[in-house]
PDB file of N, CA and C in Angstrom:
ATOM      1  N   MET A   1       0.889  -1.097   0.202  1.00  0.00           N
ATOM      2  CA  MET A   1      -0.115   0.003   0.105  1.00  0.00           C
ATOM      3  C   MET A   1       0.829   1.323  -0.508  1.00  0.00           C
ATOM      4  N   ALA A   2       0.254   2.354  -0.816  1.00  0.00           N
ATOM      5  CA  ALA A   2       1.558   3.467  -0.757  1.00  0.00           C
ATOM      6  C   ALA A   2       1.236   4.254   0.671  1.00  0.00           C
ATOM      7  N   GLU A   3       2.274   4.852   0.957  1.00  0.00           N
ATOM      8  CA  GLU A   3       2.003   5.703   2.380  1.00  0.00           C
ATOM      9  C   GLU A   3       2.643   7.341   1.500  1.00  0.00           C
ATOM     10  N   ARG A   4       1.678   8.476   1.754  1.00  0.00           N
ATOM     11  CA  ARG A   4       2.325   9.610   1.465  1.00  0.00           C
ATOM     12  C   ARG A   4       3.653  10.001   2.054  1.00  0.00           C
ATOM     13  N   ILE A   5       4.731  10.170   1.626  1.00  0.00           N
ATOM     14  CA  ILE A   5       6.179  10.726   2.236  1.00  0.00           C
ATOM     15  C   ILE A   5       5.827  12.320   2.717  1.00  0.00           C
ATOM     16  N   ASN A   6       5.338  13.064   1.740  1.00  0.00           N
ATOM     17  CA  ASN A   6       5.190  14.418   1.827  1.00  0.00           C
ATOM     18  C   ASN A   6       3.840  14.525   2.430  1.00  0.00           C
ATOM     19  N   LYS A   7       3.569  14.607   4.009  1.00  0.00           N
ATOM     20  CA  LYS A   7       2.491  15.091   4.450  1.00  0.00           C
ATOM     21  C   LYS A   7       1.845  16.493   4.562  1.00  0.00           C
ATOM     22  N   LEU A   8       0.825  16.729   4.355  1.00  0.00           N
ATOM     23  CA  LEU A   8      -0.184  17.919   4.213  1.00  0.00           C
ATOM     24  C   LEU A   8       0.220  18.553   5.372  1.00  0.00           C
ATOM     25  N   GLN A   9       0.587  18.090   6.446  1.00  0.00           N
ATOM     26  CA  GLN A   9       0.940  18.680   8.031  1.00  0.00           C
ATOM     27  C   GLN A   9       1.876  17.795   8.621  1.00  0.00           C
ATOM     28  N   GLN A  10       2.860  18.990   9.178  1.00  0.00           N
ATOM     29  CA  GLN A  10       3.771  18.800   9.832  1.00  0.00           C
ATOM     30  C   GLN A  10       4.152  19.306  11.199  1.00  0.00           C
ATOM     31  N   LYS A  11       4.189  18.558  12.458  1.00  0.00           N
ATOM     32  CA  LYS A  11       5.019  19.240  13.691  1.00  0.00           C
ATOM     33  C   LYS A  11       6.150  19.544  13.741  1.00  0.00           C
ATOM     34  N   VAL A  12       6.796  20.811  13.878  1.00  0.00           N
ATOM     35  CA  VAL A  12       7.558  21.233  13.715  1.00  0.00           C
ATOM     36  C   VAL A  12       8.464  21.650  15.042  1.00  0.00           C
ATOM     37  N   ASP A  13       9.776  20.980  15.631  1.00  0.00           N
ATOM     38  CA  ASP A  13      10.357  21.733  16.927  1.00  0.00           C
ATOM     39  C   ASP A  13      10.904  22.974  16.678  1.00  0.00           C
ATOM     40  N   SER A  14      10.251  23.977  17.427  1.00  0.00           N
ATOM     41  CA  SER A  14      10.519  25.202  17.198  1.00  0.00           C
ATOM     42  C   SER A  14      11.603  25.607  18.264  1.00  0.00           C
ATOM     43  N   ALA A  15      12.293  24.909  19.095  1.00  0.00           N
ATOM     44  CA  ALA A  15      13.242  25.349  20.181  1.00  0.00           C
ATOM     45  C   ALA A  15      14.347  26.380  19.620  1.00  0.00           C
ATOM     46  N   GLU A  16      14.554  26.273  18.587  1.00  0.00           N
ATOM     47  CA  GLU A  16      15.496  27.094  18.170  1.00  0.00           C
ATOM     48  C   GLU A  16      14.944  28.670  18.189  1.00  0.00           C
ATOM     49  N   VAL A  17      13.763  29.015  18.141  1.00  0.00           N
ATOM     50  CA  VAL A  17      13.345  30.306  18.023  1.00  0.00           C
ATOM     51  C   VAL A  17      12.378  30.463  19.261  1.00  0.00           C
ATOM     52  N   GLN A  18      11.682  29.372  20.070  1.00  0.00           N
ATOM     53  CA  GLN A  18      10.732  29.787  20.860  1.00  0.00           C
ATOM     54  C   GLN A  18      11.297  28.742  22.406  1.00  0.00           C
ATOM     55  N   GLY A  19      12.183  28.213  22.273  1.00  0.00           N
ATOM     56  CA  GLY A  19      12.932  27.602  23.591  1.00  0.00           C
ATOM     57  C   GLY A  19      12.566  26.173  23.720  1.00  0.00           C
ATOM     58  N   GLU A  20      12.754  25.381  24.584  1.00  0.00           N
ATOM     59  CA  GLU A  20      12.595  23.959  24.670  1.00  0.00           C
ATOM     60  C   GLU A  20      11.593  23.471  24.963  1.00  0.00           C
ATOM     61  N   GLY A  21      10.848  22.557  23.867  1.00  0.00           N
ATOM     62  CA  GLY A  21       9.566  21.856  23.997  1.00  0.00           C
ATOM     63  C   GLY A  21       8.752  22.665  23.041  1.00  0.00           C
ATOM     64  N   SER A  22       8.973  23.676  22.596  1.00  0.00           N
ATOM     65  CA  SER A  22       8.083  24.462  21.755  1.00  0.00           C
ATOM     66  C   SER A  22       7.912  23.675  20.371  1.00  0.00           C
ATOM     67  N   TRP A  23       6.793  24.274  19.686  1.00  0.00           N
ATOM     68  CA  TRP A  23       6.000  23.461  18.278  1.00  0.00           C
ATOM     69  C   TRP A  23       5.462  24.316  17.608  1.00  0.00           C
ATOM     70  N   VAL A  24       5.104  24.084  16.210  1.00  0.00           N
ATOM     71  CA  VAL A  24       4.549  24.528  15.334  1.00  0.00           C
ATOM     72  C   VAL A  24       4.016  23.680  14.368  1.00  0.00           C
ATOM     73  N   LEU A  25       2.665  23.716  14.027  1.00  0.00           N
ATOM     74  CA  LEU A  25       1.844  22.810  13.599  1.00  0.00           C
ATOM     75  C   LEU A  25       1.696  23.482  12.115  1.00  0.00           C
ATOM     76  N   LEU A  26       2.505  22.961  11.020  1.00  0.00           N
ATOM     77  CA  LEU A  26       2.401  23.574   9.872  1.00  0.00           C
ATOM     78  C   LEU A  26       1.738  22.783   8.582  1.00  0.00           C
ATOM     79  N   ARG A  27       1.262  23.604   7.588  1.00  0.00           N
ATOM     80  CA  ARG A  27       0.310  22.800   6.611  1.00  0.00           C
ATOM     81  C   ARG A  27       1.596  23.265   5.252  1.00  0.00           C
ATOM     82  N   SER A  28       1.563  22.104   4.443  1.00  0.00           N
ATOM     83  CA  SER A  28       2.575  22.292   3.749  1.00  0.00           C
ATOM     84  C   SER A  28       1.435  22.950   2.549  1.00  0.00           C
ATOM     85  N   PRO A  29       2.060  24.151   1.582  1.00  0.00           N
ATOM     86  CA  PRO A  29       1.340  24.831   0.549  1.00  0.00           C
ATOM     87  C   PRO A  29       0.809  23.598  -0.626  1.00  0.00           C
ATOM     88  N   VAL A  30      -0.147  23.789  -1.058  1.00  0.00           N
ATOM     89  CA  VAL A  30      -0.779  23.058  -2.188  1.00  0.00           C
ATOM     90  C   VAL A  30      -1.089  24.427  -3.281  1.00  0.00           C
ATOM     91  N   ILE A  31      -1.233  23.876  -4.652  1.00  0.00           N
ATOM     92  CA  ILE A  31      -1.419  24.351  -5.595  1.00  0.00           C
ATOM     93  C   ILE A  31      -2.271  26.058  -5.472  1.00  0.00           C
ATOM     94  N   ASP A  32      -3.336  25.283  -4.816  1.00  0.00           N
ATOM     95  CA  ASP A  32      -4.382  26.763  -4.720  1.00  0.00           C
ATOM     96  C   ASP A  32      -4.008  27.685  -4.117  1.00  0.00           C
ATOM     97  N   ASP A  33      -2.752  27.487  -2.988  1.00  0.00           N
ATOM     98  CA  ASP A  33      -2.395  28.223  -2.104  1.00  0.00           C
ATOM     99  C   ASP A  33      -1.580  29.627  -2.886  1.00  0.00           C
ATOM    100  N   LEU A  34      -0.782  28.850  -3.813  1.00  0.00           N
ATOM    101  CA  LEU A  34      -0.077  29.464  -4.647  1.00  0.00           C
ATOM    102  C   LEU A  34      -0.604  30.622  -6.119  1.00  0.00           C
ATOM    103  N   THR A  35      -1.683  29.650  -6.028  1.00  0.00           N
ATOM    104  CA  THR A  35      -2.671  30.600  -7.528  1.00  0.00           C
ATOM    105  C   THR A  35      -3.777  31.566  -6.748  1.00  0.00           C
ATOM    106  N   SER A  36      -3.905  31.408  -5.531  1.00  0.00           N
ATOM    107  CA  SER A  36      -4.946  32.166  -4.915  1.00  0.00           C
ATOM    108  C   SER A  36      -4.446  33.728  -4.376  1.00  0.00           C
ATOM    109  N   LEU A  37      -3.159  33.818  -4.422  1.00  0.00           N
ATOM    110  CA  LEU A  37      -2.451  34.819  -3.894  1.00  0.00           C
ATOM    111  C   LEU A  37      -1.693  35.578  -5.289  1.00  0.00           C
ATOM    112  N   ASP A  38      -1.724  36.827  -5.152  1.00  0.00           N
ATOM    113  CA  ASP A  38      -1.167  37.366  -6.654  1.00  0.00           C
ATOM    114  C   ASP A  38       0.400  37.047  -6.536  1.00  0.00           C
ATOM    115  N   MET A  39       0.988  36.287  -7.723  1.00  0.00           N
ATOM    116  CA  MET A  39       2.382  36.327  -7.452  1.00  0.00           C
ATOM    117  C   MET A  39       3.347  37.515  -7.685  1.00  0.00           C
ATOM    118  N   PRO A  40       4.277  37.915  -7.074  1.00  0.00           N
ATOM    119  CA  PRO A  40       4.896  39.040  -7.315  1.00  0.00           C
ATOM    120  C   PRO A  40       5.797  39.076  -8.434  1.00  0.00           C
ATOM    121  N   ALA A  41       6.046  39.978  -9.109  1.00  0.00           N
ATOM    122  CA  ALA A  41       6.860  40.262 -10.552  1.00  0.00           C
ATOM    123  C   ALA A  41       8.442  40.023  -9.606  1.00  0.00           C
ATOM    124  N   GLU A  42       9.465  39.535 -10.611  1.00  0.00           N
ATOM    125  CA  GLU A  42      10.745  39.102 -10.060  1.00  0.00           C
ATOM    126  C   GLU A  42      11.245  40.500 -10.237  1.00  0.00           C
ATOM    127  N   GLY A  43      11.835  40.630  -8.681  1.00  0.00           N
ATOM    128  CA  GLY A  43      12.685  42.108  -8.565  1.00  0.00           C
ATOM    129  C   GLY A  43      11.800  42.628  -7.348  1.00  0.00           C
ATOM    130  N   ASP A  44      10.470  42.456  -7.563  1.00  0.00           N
ATOM    131  CA  ASP A  44       9.483  43.514  -6.363  1.00  0.00           C
ATOM    132  C   ASP A  44       9.747  42.968  -5.146  1.00  0.00           C
ATOM    133  N   ARG A  45      10.464  43.362  -4.187  1.00  0.00           N
ATOM    134  CA  ARG A  45      10.914  42.882  -2.730  1.00  0.00           C
ATOM    135  C   ARG A  45       9.560  42.962  -1.967  1.00  0.00           C
ATOM    136  N   LYS A  46       9.268  44.345  -2.167  1.00  0.00           N
ATOM    137  CA  LYS A  46       7.798  44.717  -1.103  1.00  0.00           C
ATOM    138  C   LYS A  46       6.876  43.843  -1.584  1.00  0.00           C
ATOM    139  N   ALA A  47       6.284  43.431  -2.903  1.00  0.00           N
ATOM    140  CA  ALA A  47       5.175  42.372  -3.356  1.00  0.00           C
ATOM    141  C   ALA A  47       5.632  40.756  -2.963  1.00  0.00           C
ATOM    142  N   ALA A  48       7.112  40.559  -2.664  1.00  0.00           N
ATOM    143  CA  ALA A  48       7.486  39.209  -2.496  1.00  0.00           C
ATOM    144  C   ALA A  48       7.048  39.504  -0.941  1.00  0.00           C
ATOM    145  N   ILE A  49       7.333  39.944  -0.045  1.00  0.00           N
ATOM    146  CA  ILE A  49       7.184  40.271   1.536  1.00  0.00           C
ATOM    147  C   ILE A  49       5.761  40.089   1.825  1.00  0.00           C
ATOM    148  N   GLU A  50       4.977  40.484   0.861  1.00  0.00           N
ATOM    149  CA  GLU A  50       3.583  40.991   1.141  1.00  0.00           C
ATOM    150  C   GLU A  50       3.168  39.398   0.816  1.00  0.00           C
ATOM    151  N   PHE A  51       3.659  38.639  -0.361  1.00  0.00           N
ATOM    152  CA  PHE A  51       3.075  37.235  -0.550  1.00  0.00           C
ATOM    153  C   PHE A  51       3.636  36.375   0.393  1.00  0.00           C
ATOM    154  N   GLY A  52       4.918  36.597   0.829  1.00  0.00           N
ATOM    155  CA  GLY A  52       4.975  35.546   1.705  1.00  0.00           C
ATOM    156  C   GLY A  52       4.011  35.344   3.254  1.00  0.00           C
ATOM    157  N   ARG A  53       4.151  37.200   3.481  1.00  0.00           N
ATOM    158  CA  ARG A  53       3.125  37.116   4.795  1.00  0.00           C
ATOM    159  C   ARG A  53       2.045  36.499   4.827  1.00  0.00           C
ATOM    160  N   GLU A  54       1.243  36.574   3.799  1.00  0.00           N
ATOM    161  CA  GLU A  54      -0.205  36.239   3.409  1.00  0.00           C
ATOM    162  C   GLU A  54      -0.234  34.487   3.176  1.00  0.00           C
ATOM    163  N   LEU A  55       0.856  34.095   2.481  1.00  0.00           N
ATOM    164  CA  LEU A  55       1.248  32.852   2.472  1.00  0.00           C
ATOM    165  C   LEU A  55       1.610  31.909   4.387  1.00  0.00           C
ATOM    166  N   LEU A  56       2.406  32.877   4.639  1.00  0.00           N
ATOM    167  CA  LEU A  56       2.543  31.998   6.022  1.00  0.00           C
ATOM    168  C   LEU A  56       1.370  31.939   7.086  1.00  0.00           C
ATOM    169  N   LYS A  57       0.580  33.188   6.853  1.00  0.00           N
ATOM    170  CA  LYS A  57      -0.922  33.047   7.575  1.00  0.00           C
ATOM    171  C   LYS A  57      -1.664  32.503   7.240  1.00  0.00           C
ATOM    172  N   SER A  58      -1.468  31.467   6.108  1.00  0.00           N
ATOM    173  CA  SER A  58      -2.387  30.436   5.658  1.00  0.00           C
ATOM    174  C   SER A  58      -1.952  29.063   5.959  1.00  0.00           C
ATOM    175  N   LEU A  59      -0.799  29.152   6.276  1.00  0.00           N
ATOM    176  CA  LEU A  59      -0.271  27.894   6.480  1.00  0.00           C
ATOM    177  C   LEU A  59       0.162  27.101   7.768  1.00  0.00           C
ATOM    178  N   ILE A  60       0.079  28.282   8.960  1.00  0.00           N
ATOM    179  CA  ILE A  60       0.218  27.918  10.313  1.00  0.00           C
ATOM    180  C   ILE A  60      -0.939  27.292  10.738  1.00  0.00           C
ATOM    181  N   VAL A  61      -0.841  26.356  11.549  1.00  0.00           N
ATOM    182  CA  VAL A  61      -2.179  25.343  11.740  1.00  0.00           C
ATOM    183  C   VAL A  61      -2.430  25.815  13.287  1.00  0.00           C
ATOM    184  N   ASP A  62      -1.480  25.715  14.120  1.00  0.00           N
ATOM    185  CA  ASP A  62      -1.323  25.690  15.460  1.00  0.00           C
ATOM    186  C   ASP A  62       0.128  25.856  15.918  1.00  0.00           C
ATOM    187  N   TRP A  63       0.193  26.504  17.185  1.00  0.00           N
ATOM    188  CA  TRP A  63       1.450  26.660  17.911  1.00  0.00           C
ATOM    189  C   TRP A  63       1.342  26.534  19.465  1.00  0.00           C
ATOM    190  N   ASP A  64       2.529  26.479  20.106  1.00  0.00           N
ATOM    191  CA  ASP A  64       2.319  26.801  21.683  1.00  0.00           C
ATOM    192  C   ASP A  64       3.305  28.053  21.792  1.00  0.00           C
ATOM    193  N   TRP A  65       3.375  28.691  21.025  1.00  0.00           N
ATOM    194  CA  TRP A  65       4.155  29.915  20.954  1.00  0.00           C
ATOM    195  C   TRP A  65       3.803  31.271  21.995  1.00  0.00           C
ATOM    196  N   VAL A  66       4.760  31.673  22.487  1.00  0.00           N
ATOM    197  CA  VAL A  66       4.742  32.729  23.471  1.00  0.00           C
ATOM    198  C   VAL A  66       5.343  34.395  23.115  1.00  0.00           C
ATOM    199  N   ASP A  67       4.727  35.172  23.875  1.00  0.00           N
ATOM    200  CA  ASP A  67       5.456  36.325  23.559  1.00  0.00           C
ATOM    201  C   ASP A  67       6.603  36.420  24.551  1.00  0.00           C
ATOM    202  N   ASP A  68       6.979  38.236  24.450  1.00  0.00           N
ATOM    203  CA  ASP A  68       8.270  38.200  25.252  1.00  0.00           C
ATOM    204  C   ASP A  68       7.957  37.947  26.954  1.00  0.00           C
ATOM    205  N   GLU A  69       6.723  38.237  27.174  1.00  0.00           N
ATOM    206  CA  GLU A  69       6.630  38.154  28.766  1.00  0.00           C
ATOM    207  C   GLU A  69       5.860  36.434  29.019  1.00  0.00           C
ATOM    208  N   GLY A  70       6.162  35.453  28.172  1.00  0.00           N
ATOM    209  CA  GLY A  70       5.914  34.337  28.421  1.00  0.00           C
ATOM    210  C   GLY A  70       4.460  34.308  28.307  1.00  0.00           C
ATOM    211  N   GLU A  71       3.387  34.936  28.055  1.00  0.00           N
ATOM    212  CA  GLU A  71       2.029  34.774  27.527  1.00  0.00           C
ATOM    213  C   GLU A  71       1.727  34.264  26.293  1.00  0.00           C
ATOM    214  N   PRO A  72       1.002  33.143  26.116  1.00  0.00           N
ATOM    215  CA  PRO A  72       0.819  32.586  24.634  1.00  0.00           C
ATOM    216  C   PRO A  72       0.218  33.300  23.953  1.00  0.00           C
ATOM    217  N   LEU A  73       0.788  33.431  22.616  1.00  0.00           N
ATOM    218  CA  LEU A  73       0.283  34.165  21.214  1.00  0.00           C
ATOM    219  C   LEU A  73      -1.059  33.809  20.820  1.00  0.00           C
ATOM    220  N   PRO A  74      -1.584  33.971  20.452  1.00  0.00           N
ATOM    221  CA  PRO A  74      -3.043  33.897  20.142  1.00  0.00           C
ATOM    222  C   PRO A  74      -2.864  32.631  18.509  1.00  0.00           C
ATOM    223  N   ASN A  75      -3.644  31.773  18.708  1.00  0.00           N
ATOM    224  CA  ASN A  75      -3.535  30.856  17.433  1.00  0.00           C
ATOM    225  C   ASN A  75      -3.544  31.503  16.143  1.00  0.00           C
ATOM    226  N   PRO A  76      -2.648  31.699  15.036  1.00  0.00           N
ATOM    227  CA  PRO A  76      -3.102  32.345  13.846  1.00  0.00           C
ATOM    228  C   PRO A  76      -3.961  31.894  13.348  1.00  0.00           C
ATOM    229  N   VAL A  77      -4.948  30.699  13.599  1.00  0.00           N
ATOM    230  CA  VAL A  77      -6.394  30.197  12.704  1.00  0.00           C
ATOM    231  C   VAL A  77      -6.838  31.659  13.184  1.00  0.00           C
ATOM    232  N   ASN A  78      -7.199  31.747  14.125  1.00  0.00           N
ATOM    233  CA  ASN A  78      -8.066  32.719  14.844  1.00  0.00           C
ATOM    234  C   ASN A  78      -7.542  34.181  15.034  1.00  0.00           C
ATOM    235  N   ASP A  79      -6.249  34.680  14.627  1.00  0.00           N
ATOM    236  CA  ASP A  79      -6.039  35.762  14.754  1.00  0.00           C
ATOM    237  C   ASP A  79      -4.595  35.565  13.672  1.00  0.00           C
ATOM    238  N   PRO A  80      -4.936  35.745  12.246  1.00  0.00           N
ATOM    239  CA  PRO A  80      -3.920  35.775  11.322  1.00  0.00           C
ATOM    240  C   PRO A  80      -2.838  36.667  11.559  1.00  0.00           C
ATOM    241  N   ASP A  81      -3.146  38.038  11.613  1.00  0.00           N
ATOM    242  CA  ASP A  81      -2.379  39.069  11.890  1.00  0.00           C
ATOM    243  C   ASP A  81      -1.367  38.687  12.891  1.00  0.00           C
ATOM    244  N   VAL A  82      -1.337  37.673  13.930  1.00  0.00           N
ATOM    245  CA  VAL A  82      -0.145  37.685  14.819  1.00  0.00           C
ATOM    246  C   VAL A  82       1.069  37.425  13.954  1.00  0.00           C
ATOM    247  N   VAL A  83       1.145  37.041  13.040  1.00  0.00           N
ATOM    248  CA  VAL A  83       2.094  36.515  12.301  1.00  0.00           C
ATOM    249  C   VAL A  83       3.039  37.682  11.771  1.00  0.00           C
ATOM    250  N   SER A  84       2.256  38.873  11.573  1.00  0.00           N
ATOM    251  CA  SER A  84       2.818  40.251  11.182  1.00  0.00           C
ATOM    252  C   SER A  84       3.398  40.550  12.324  1.00  0.00           C
ATOM    253  N   ARG A  85       3.440  40.242  13.655  1.00  0.00           N
ATOM    254  CA  ARG A  85       4.151  40.726  15.421  1.00  0.00           C
ATOM    255  C   ARG A  85       4.959  39.896  15.187  1.00  0.00           C
ATOM    256  N   LEU A  86       5.733  38.833  14.743  1.00  0.00           N
ATOM    257  CA  LEU A  86       6.401  38.150  14.962  1.00  0.00           C
ATOM    258  C   LEU A  86       7.917  38.782  15.139  1.00  0.00           C
ATOM    259  N   PRO A  87       8.916  38.405  15.452  1.00  0.00           N
ATOM    260  CA  PRO A  87      10.090  38.900  15.290  1.00  0.00           C
ATOM    261  C   PRO A  87      10.735  38.293  13.528  1.00  0.00           C
ATOM    262  N   PHE A  88      11.621  39.010  13.217  1.00  0.00           N
ATOM    263  CA  PHE A  88      12.270  38.565  12.030  1.00  0.00           C
ATOM    264  C   PHE A  88      12.856  36.943  12.154  1.00  0.00           C
ATOM    265  N   GLN A  89      13.433  36.665  13.109  1.00  0.00           N
ATOM    266  CA  GLN A  89      14.098  35.345  13.355  1.00  0.00           C
ATOM    267  C   GLN A  89      13.126  34.423  13.162  1.00  0.00           C
ATOM    268  N   GLU A  90      12.025  34.662  13.979  1.00  0.00           N
ATOM    269  CA  GLU A  90      10.707  33.749  13.927  1.00  0.00           C
ATOM    270  C   GLU A  90       9.955  33.862  12.386  1.00  0.00           C
ATOM    271  N   ILE A  91      10.162  34.340  11.889  1.00  0.00           N
ATOM    272  CA  ILE A  91       9.400  34.775  10.306  1.00  0.00           C
ATOM    273  C   ILE A  91      10.189  33.665   9.539  1.00  0.00           C
ATOM    274  N   THR A  92      11.717  33.937  10.009  1.00  0.00           N
ATOM    275  CA  THR A  92      12.750  32.938   8.758  1.00  0.00           C
ATOM    276  C   THR A  92      12.228  31.604   9.185  1.00  0.00           C
ATOM    277  N   PHE A  93      12.331  31.599  10.737  1.00  0.00           N
ATOM    278  CA  PHE A  93      12.382  30.119  10.820  1.00  0.00           C
ATOM    279  C   PHE A  93      10.877  29.229  10.146  1.00  0.00           C
ATOM    280  N   LEU A  94       9.836  30.325  10.269  1.00  0.00           N
ATOM    281  CA  LEU A  94       8.583  29.540   9.718  1.00  0.00           C
ATOM    282  C   LEU A  94       9.033  29.341   8.174  1.00  0.00           C
ATOM    283  N   ILE A  95       9.245  30.115   7.493  1.00  0.00           N
ATOM    284  CA  ILE A  95       9.625  30.224   6.080  1.00  0.00           C
ATOM    285  C   ILE A  95      10.638  29.073   5.685  1.00  0.00           C
ATOM    286  N   ASN A  96      11.447  29.021   6.370  1.00  0.00           N
ATOM    287  CA  ASN A  96      12.385  27.508   6.068  1.00  0.00           C
ATOM    288  C   ASN A  96      11.647  26.171   6.615  1.00  0.00           C
ATOM    289  N   ALA A  97      11.107  26.190   7.820  1.00  0.00           N
ATOM    290  CA  ALA A  97      10.198  25.267   7.901  1.00  0.00           C
ATOM    291  C   ALA A  97       9.322  24.816   7.193  1.00  0.00           C
ATOM    292  N   ILE A  98       8.659  25.559   6.331  1.00  0.00           N
ATOM    293  CA  ILE A  98       7.799  25.267   5.136  1.00  0.00           C
ATOM    294  C   ILE A  98       8.466  24.924   3.662  1.00  0.00           C
ATOM    295  N   GLY A  99      10.024  25.624   3.766  1.00  0.00           N
ATOM    296  CA  GLY A  99      10.437  25.330   2.725  1.00  0.00           C
ATOM    297  C   GLY A  99      10.474  26.150   1.598  1.00  0.00           C
ATOM    298  N   LEU A 100       9.853  27.207   1.862  1.00  0.00           N
ATOM    299  CA  LEU A 100      10.321  28.768   1.055  1.00  0.00           C
ATOM    300  C   LEU A 100      11.182  29.617   1.187  1.00  0.00           C
ATOM    301  N   GLU A 101      12.616  29.031   1.255  1.00  0.00           N
ATOM    302  CA  GLU A 101      13.858  29.435   1.444  1.00  0.00           C
ATOM    303  C   GLU A 101      13.592  30.706   0.312  1.00  0.00           C
ATOM    304  N   GLU A 102      13.325  30.503  -0.638  1.00  0.00           N
ATOM    305  CA  GLU A 102      13.534  31.367  -1.561  1.00  0.00           C
ATOM    306  C   GLU A 102      13.059  32.792  -1.469  1.00  0.00           C
ATOM    307  N   LEU A 103      11.927  32.971  -0.956  1.00  0.00           N
ATOM    308  CA  LEU A 103      11.408  33.970   0.125  1.00  0.00           C
ATOM    309  C   LEU A 103      12.050  35.033   0.566  1.00  0.00           C
ATOM    310  N   THR A 104      13.094  34.777   1.237  1.00  0.00           N
ATOM    311  CA  THR A 104      13.932  35.186   1.990  1.00  0.00           C
ATOM    312  C   THR A 104      15.213  35.642   1.525  1.00  0.00           C
ATOM    313  N   ASP A 105      15.265  35.022  -0.071  1.00  0.00           N
ATOM    314  CA  ASP A 105      16.450  35.566  -0.910  1.00  0.00           C
ATOM    315  C   ASP A 105      16.319  37.076  -1.090  1.00  0.00           C
ATOM    316  N   GLN A 106      17.551  37.607  -0.554  1.00  0.00           N
ATOM    317  CA  GLN A 106      17.772  39.129  -1.075  1.00  0.00           C
ATOM    318  C   GLN A 106      17.467  39.582  -2.465  1.00  0.00           C
ATOM    319  N   LYS A 107      17.689  38.840  -3.337  1.00  0.00           N
ATOM    320  CA  LYS A 107      17.407  39.317  -4.660  1.00  0.00           C
ATOM    321  C   LYS A 107      16.020  39.405  -5.213  1.00  0.00           C
ATOM    322  N   ASN A 108      15.255  38.642  -4.276  1.00  0.00           N
ATOM    323  CA  ASN A 108      13.620  38.758  -4.685  1.00  0.00           C
ATOM    324  C   ASN A 108      13.118  40.182  -3.902  1.00  0.00           C
TER     325      ASN A 108
END
């Protein structure tokens, strides 16, 4: 029997940005995710950042992340704008965990 290797959801250890025991549940992008958003023109860095932000908002399913005071951050499903308030290191971690490293490429 076949078994899918690239699962649609994956729970990722986020200790490097949120401390020991932390995790984030991410959904892998599907073709509809990429076609439902306006793809940025090559070299349009601002549009590429906006594209990445909107894509990230749709791909975070759950997490146990906290703010600077140790208070739980809202679930991104209920408050997608919480993603826009994350430090750059956490955004970069999420982009890399999803496999969208090219969005962080300085040429884009």
